[in-house]
Amino acid sequence: RTIIVCHDLHPLIYRGWSRTYRLRYKLNLRLMRRARAIVTVSEHTKKDLLKYCPFIPPQKVFAIHNGLERKWKRVEDEARLGQVRRTYGLDGKRIVLHVGNDNWYKNVATLLRAFAAVDDPNLVLVKVGDCGAANRELIQQLGIANRFVHIRGADDEQLMCLYSVADMLVFPSLHEGFGWPPLEAMACGCPVITTRKASLPEVCGEACLYLDPRDVDGIAAAIRTLTDKPDVRADLIRRGLLQAQKFDWRPTAEAILNLMKM
């Protein structure tokens, strides 16, 4: 009477791991055949699971989106927002935000190159999450160290403040099992630039700017659009708030409970 939740298939998609590791991973996944049901957090993850694990019966796999806690909303307390700006040296700055670790699919190097192409001394890139040695070196090579703010970790309260002060979230991922940061950002009234890869269109709908994840010039142009065109920003904020409201934990829980009753 087991239900398994599958968030993504990154260990099978990424070729950087050894063949032995990937084979062992796939062999272990064969145990999933014994489960009563398998829940994937997006339709795309369901497709990935059935593609890479054809031994799993399709009738056992159910795509059920994650929800979003209602606490995720724009912070209106100017004292809290001012404290965040002062803490990270963001007073008087326009902010491009990225939230996520420095894994292969986050495509951070492309973001760094696109940001460097936007020549605006008042624009800063704030990255929440790990930043690996290769990208730290790239930051130096691109000459943007004085416009880069690294926050290794932030709790939900800090993240809500960062989404609220940011001018945009740029999230050029190559792959996502679900994609929390764009959804959180939209709920907090932060416009989103992302890609049509994997599950991201399921999460973002028509409430963001979509770009090719490898298009450095295109991402740079989108950043300029959101800094220069307040009407575009306002429209994305409005659509993003409506899109975020579609994700709620109650129907997610009800769907999983229904599986338990099968």
Protein backbone atom coordinates (compact mmCIF):
# COMPACT_ATOMS: atom_id res chain seq x y z
CA ARG A 1 0.00 0.00 0.00
CA THR A 2 2.72 2.40 -1.05
CA ILE A 3 2.42 5.67 -2.97
CA ILE A 4 5.67 7.11 -4.30
CA VAL A 5 6.17 10.78 -5.19
CA CYS A 6 8.62 11.49 -8.03
CA HIS A 7 9.90 15.08 -8.30
CA ASP A 8 12.26 14.74 -11.27
CA LEU A 9 14.50 12.35 -13.20
CA HIS A 10 17.64 14.50 -13.22
CA PRO A 11 20.03 11.60 -12.43
CA LEU A 12 18.90 9.88 -15.64
CA ILE A 13 18.70 12.99 -17.82
CA TYR A 14 22.15 14.39 -16.98
CA ARG A 15 24.99 12.57 -18.73
CA GLY A 16 27.63 13.98 -16.41
CA TRP A 17 27.28 11.18 -13.88
CA SER A 18 29.03 7.88 -14.51
CA ARG A 19 27.30 5.15 -16.49
CA THR A 20 27.56 2.84 -13.45
CA TYR A 21 25.79 5.34 -11.19
CA ARG A 22 23.01 5.91 -13.70
CA LEU A 23 22.56 2.16 -14.21
CA ARG A 24 22.33 1.51 -10.45
CA TYR A 25 19.85 4.39 -10.13
CA LYS A 26 17.66 2.99 -12.90
CA LEU A 27 17.79 -0.54 -11.43
CA ASN A 28 16.63 0.79 -8.07
CA LEU A 29 13.72 2.53 -9.79
CA ARG A 30 12.40 -0.89 -10.80
CA LEU A 31 11.12 -1.22 -7.24
CA MET A 32 8.54 1.43 -8.18
CA ARG A 33 6.61 -1.25 -10.07
CA ARG A 34 5.51 -2.65 -6.73
CA ALA A 35 3.88 0.61 -5.59
CA ARG A 36 0.13 1.06 -5.67
CA ALA A 37 0.57 4.43 -7.40
CA ILE A 38 3.27 6.89 -8.43
CA VAL A 39 2.62 10.62 -8.19
CA THR A 40 4.64 13.03 -10.32
CA VAL A 41 4.62 16.75 -9.54
CA SER A 42 4.05 17.74 -13.18
CA GLU A 43 2.87 16.30 -16.48
CA HIS A 44 6.39 16.72 -17.82
CA THR A 45 7.90 14.66 -15.01
CA LYS A 46 5.31 11.97 -15.77
CA LYS A 47 6.49 11.93 -19.41
CA ASP A 48 10.11 11.72 -18.27
CA LEU A 49 9.33 8.86 -15.90
CA LEU A 50 7.54 6.82 -18.56
CA LYS A 51 10.29 7.60 -21.10
CA TYR A 52 13.23 6.57 -18.92
CA CYS A 53 11.42 3.82 -17.03
CA PRO A 54 9.27 1.97 -19.59
CA PHE A 55 8.91 -0.92 -17.16
CA ILE A 56 6.50 1.18 -15.06
CA PRO A 57 2.84 0.66 -16.03
CA PRO A 58 1.44 4.02 -17.25
CA GLN A 59 -1.87 3.41 -15.46
CA LYS A 60 -0.02 3.61 -12.14
CA VAL A 61 1.35 7.12 -12.76
CA PHE A 62 -0.65 10.24 -11.83
CA ALA A 63 0.49 13.84 -12.39
CA ILE A 64 -0.58 16.02 -9.44
CA HIS A 65 0.86 19.51 -9.20
CA ASN A 66 2.41 20.83 -6.02
CA GLY A 67 0.45 23.51 -4.20
CA LEU A 68 1.60 26.82 -2.77
CA GLU A 69 1.07 28.00 0.77
CA ARG A 70 -1.03 31.15 0.97
CA LYS A 71 1.67 32.85 3.04
CA TRP A 72 3.51 33.57 -0.22
CA LYS A 73 2.52 37.13 -1.03
CA ARG A 74 4.03 40.55 -1.53
CA VAL A 75 5.56 42.08 1.60
CA GLU A 76 4.12 45.56 2.17
CA ASP A 77 6.07 46.38 5.33
CA GLU A 78 8.55 49.03 4.14
CA ALA A 79 10.60 48.71 7.32
CA ARG A 80 11.25 45.02 6.60
CA LEU A 81 12.00 45.70 2.95
CA GLY A 82 14.33 48.55 3.86
CA GLN A 83 16.22 46.28 6.23
CA VAL A 84 16.73 43.71 3.45
CA ARG A 85 17.99 46.41 1.06
CA ARG A 86 20.44 47.74 3.65
CA THR A 87 21.64 44.28 4.69
CA TYR A 88 22.65 43.37 1.15
CA GLY A 89 23.63 46.83 -0.10
CA LEU A 90 20.66 47.17 -2.45
CA ASP A 91 19.54 50.73 -1.67
CA GLY A 92 18.88 52.65 -4.88
CA LYS A 93 19.50 49.57 -7.04
CA ARG A 94 17.42 47.77 -9.65
CA ILE A 95 17.45 44.07 -8.82
CA VAL A 96 17.62 41.00 -11.05
CA LEU A 97 17.00 37.98 -8.81
CA HIS A 98 17.86 34.31 -9.27
CA VAL A 99 16.84 31.68 -6.73
CA GLY A 100 18.32 28.19 -6.94
CA ASN A 101 21.51 26.20 -6.55
CA ASP A 102 24.28 26.03 -9.13
CA ASN A 103 23.29 22.69 -10.64
CA TRP A 104 23.76 21.90 -14.34
CA TYR A 105 20.12 22.51 -15.25
CA LYS A 106 19.92 25.94 -13.59
CA ASN A 107 21.95 27.40 -16.47
CA VAL A 108 23.57 30.04 -14.27
CA ALA A 109 26.47 30.76 -16.65
CA THR A 110 24.05 31.91 -19.36
CA LEU A 111 22.32 34.18 -16.87
CA LEU A 112 25.67 35.71 -15.86
CA ARG A 113 26.59 36.40 -19.48
CA ALA A 114 23.18 37.92 -20.21
CA PHE A 115 23.36 40.12 -17.12
CA ALA A 116 26.88 41.29 -18.08
CA ALA A 117 25.49 42.36 -21.47
CA VAL A 118 23.16 44.85 -19.76
CA ASP A 119 25.38 47.86 -19.15
CA ASP A 120 23.62 49.54 -16.24
CA PRO A 121 25.64 50.41 -13.11
CA ASN A 122 22.44 50.61 -11.04
CA LEU A 123 21.41 47.06 -11.95
CA VAL A 124 22.56 44.27 -9.62
CA LEU A 125 22.22 40.51 -9.85
CA VAL A 126 21.23 38.89 -6.57
CA LYS A 127 21.72 35.12 -6.47
CA VAL A 128 20.18 33.09 -3.66
CA GLY A 129 21.73 29.63 -3.41
CA ASP A 130 25.10 28.06 -4.13
CA CYS A 131 27.49 29.56 -6.65
CA GLY A 132 30.17 27.13 -7.83
CA ALA A 133 33.84 27.86 -8.46
CA ALA A 134 33.44 27.93 -12.26
CA ASN A 135 30.74 30.59 -12.11
CA ARG A 136 32.60 32.60 -9.46
CA GLU A 137 35.51 32.72 -11.89
CA LEU A 138 33.17 33.67 -14.74
CA ILE A 139 31.85 36.58 -12.66
CA GLN A 140 35.39 37.92 -12.39
CA GLN A 141 36.06 37.41 -16.09
CA LEU A 142 32.86 39.26 -17.04
CA GLY A 143 33.74 42.17 -14.76
CA ILE A 144 30.45 42.10 -12.85
CA ALA A 145 31.74 41.30 -9.36
CA ASN A 146 30.77 44.80 -8.17
CA ARG A 147 27.21 44.21 -9.42
CA PHE A 148 26.79 40.69 -8.02
CA VAL A 149 25.33 39.90 -4.59
CA HIS A 150 25.52 36.29 -3.38
CA ILE A 151 23.17 35.10 -0.64
CA ARG A 152 24.04 31.51 0.15
CA GLY A 153 20.75 30.73 1.86
CA ALA A 154 17.49 32.44 2.79
CA ASP A 155 14.44 31.29 4.72
CA ASP A 156 10.89 31.82 3.43
CA GLU A 157 10.47 35.17 5.16
CA GLN A 158 13.69 36.49 3.62
CA LEU A 159 12.75 35.10 0.22
CA MET A 160 9.38 36.86 0.30
CA CYS A 161 11.17 40.13 1.01
CA LEU A 162 13.66 39.53 -1.81
CA TYR A 163 10.87 38.72 -4.28
CA SER A 164 9.12 41.90 -3.13
CA VAL A 165 12.10 44.22 -3.68
CA ALA A 166 13.30 42.59 -6.90
CA ASP A 167 12.44 44.06 -10.28
CA MET A 168 12.31 40.59 -11.78
CA LEU A 169 13.18 36.93 -11.31
CA VAL A 170 15.26 35.51 -14.16
CA PHE A 171 15.07 31.72 -14.18
CA PRO A 172 16.61 30.33 -17.41
CA SER A 173 16.53 26.66 -16.43
CA LEU A 174 17.17 23.89 -18.93
CA HIS A 175 15.00 21.49 -16.95
CA GLU A 176 12.77 21.48 -13.86
CA GLY A 177 10.68 18.78 -12.25
CA PHE A 178 8.27 21.47 -11.07
CA GLY A 179 9.84 24.90 -10.54
CA TRP A 180 9.15 26.56 -7.20
CA PRO A 181 10.90 29.96 -7.55
CA PRO A 182 8.80 31.27 -10.49
CA LEU A 183 5.60 30.34 -8.68
CA GLU A 184 6.74 31.94 -5.43
CA ALA A 185 7.87 35.05 -7.30
CA MET A 186 4.54 35.44 -9.10
CA ALA A 187 2.66 35.09 -5.82
CA CYS A 188 4.82 37.91 -4.41
CA GLY A 189 4.19 40.23 -7.37
CA CYS A 190 7.62 39.75 -8.95
CA PRO A 191 7.68 39.51 -12.78
CA VAL A 192 9.29 36.37 -14.18
CA ILE A 193 11.57 35.67 -17.14
CA THR A 194 11.97 31.94 -17.79
CA THR A 195 12.03 29.24 -20.48
CA ARG A 196 9.51 26.90 -22.08
CA LYS A 197 11.55 23.92 -20.96
CA ALA A 198 10.17 20.92 -19.10
CA SER A 199 7.49 21.74 -16.50
CA LEU A 200 7.93 25.52 -16.46
CA PRO A 201 5.06 26.30 -18.88
CA GLU A 202 2.76 24.22 -16.63
CA VAL A 203 3.71 26.36 -13.65
CA CYS A 204 3.93 29.77 -15.31
CA GLY A 205 1.16 29.56 -17.90
CA GLU A 206 1.04 32.80 -19.91
CA ALA A 207 2.13 34.95 -16.96
CA CYS A 208 5.83 35.40 -17.77
CA LEU A 209 8.31 36.21 -20.54
CA TYR A 210 9.60 33.03 -22.22
CA LEU A 211 13.04 32.80 -23.83
CA ASP A 212 15.40 30.25 -25.28
CA PRO A 213 17.63 29.22 -22.35
CA ARG A 214 20.82 29.54 -24.45
CA ASP A 215 19.94 32.92 -25.97
CA VAL A 216 22.21 35.33 -24.09
CA ASP A 217 21.14 38.34 -26.16
CA GLY A 218 17.47 37.46 -25.82
CA ILE A 219 17.69 37.19 -22.03
CA ALA A 220 19.58 40.50 -21.88
CA ALA A 221 16.88 42.13 -24.03
CA ALA A 222 14.15 40.78 -21.75
CA ILE A 223 15.94 42.21 -18.71
CA ARG A 224 16.05 45.61 -20.44
CA THR A 225 12.36 45.33 -21.28
CA LEU A 226 11.40 44.85 -17.64
CA THR A 227 13.65 47.68 -16.47
CA ASP A 228 12.51 50.14 -19.16
CA LYS A 229 8.82 49.34 -19.69
CA PRO A 230 6.68 49.70 -16.55
CA ASP A 231 3.52 48.77 -18.48
CA VAL A 232 4.98 45.35 -19.36
CA ARG A 233 6.04 44.85 -15.73
CA ALA A 234 2.58 45.79 -14.47
CA ASP A 235 0.90 43.36 -16.87
CA LEU A 236 3.20 40.49 -15.86
CA ILE A 237 2.60 41.23 -12.17
CA ARG A 238 -1.17 41.13 -12.70
CA ARG A 239 -1.06 37.90 -14.69
CA GLY A 240 1.43 36.33 -12.29
CA LEU A 241 -0.77 36.92 -9.27
CA LEU A 242 -3.69 35.25 -11.05
CA GLN A 243 -1.53 32.31 -12.16
CA ALA A 244 -0.17 31.69 -8.65
CA GLN A 245 -3.71 31.45 -7.29
CA LYS A 246 -4.26 28.30 -9.36
CA PHE A 247 -1.87 26.33 -7.14
CA ASP A 248 -3.27 25.26 -3.79
CA TRP A 249 -2.34 22.41 -1.47
CA ARG A 250 -5.95 21.41 -0.75
CA PRO A 251 -6.74 19.89 -4.19
CA THR A 252 -3.26 18.32 -4.20
CA ALA A 253 -3.97 16.65 -0.86
CA GLU A 254 -7.46 15.59 -1.97
CA ALA A 255 -6.08 13.98 -5.12
CA ILE A 256 -3.50 11.99 -3.15
CA LEU A 257 -6.13 10.94 -0.59
CA ASN A 258 -8.28 9.66 -3.47
CA LEU A 259 -5.35 7.51 -4.60
CA MET A 260 -5.08 6.08 -1.09
CA LYS A 261 -8.70 4.98 -1.33
CA MET A 262 -8.23 3.10 -4.61
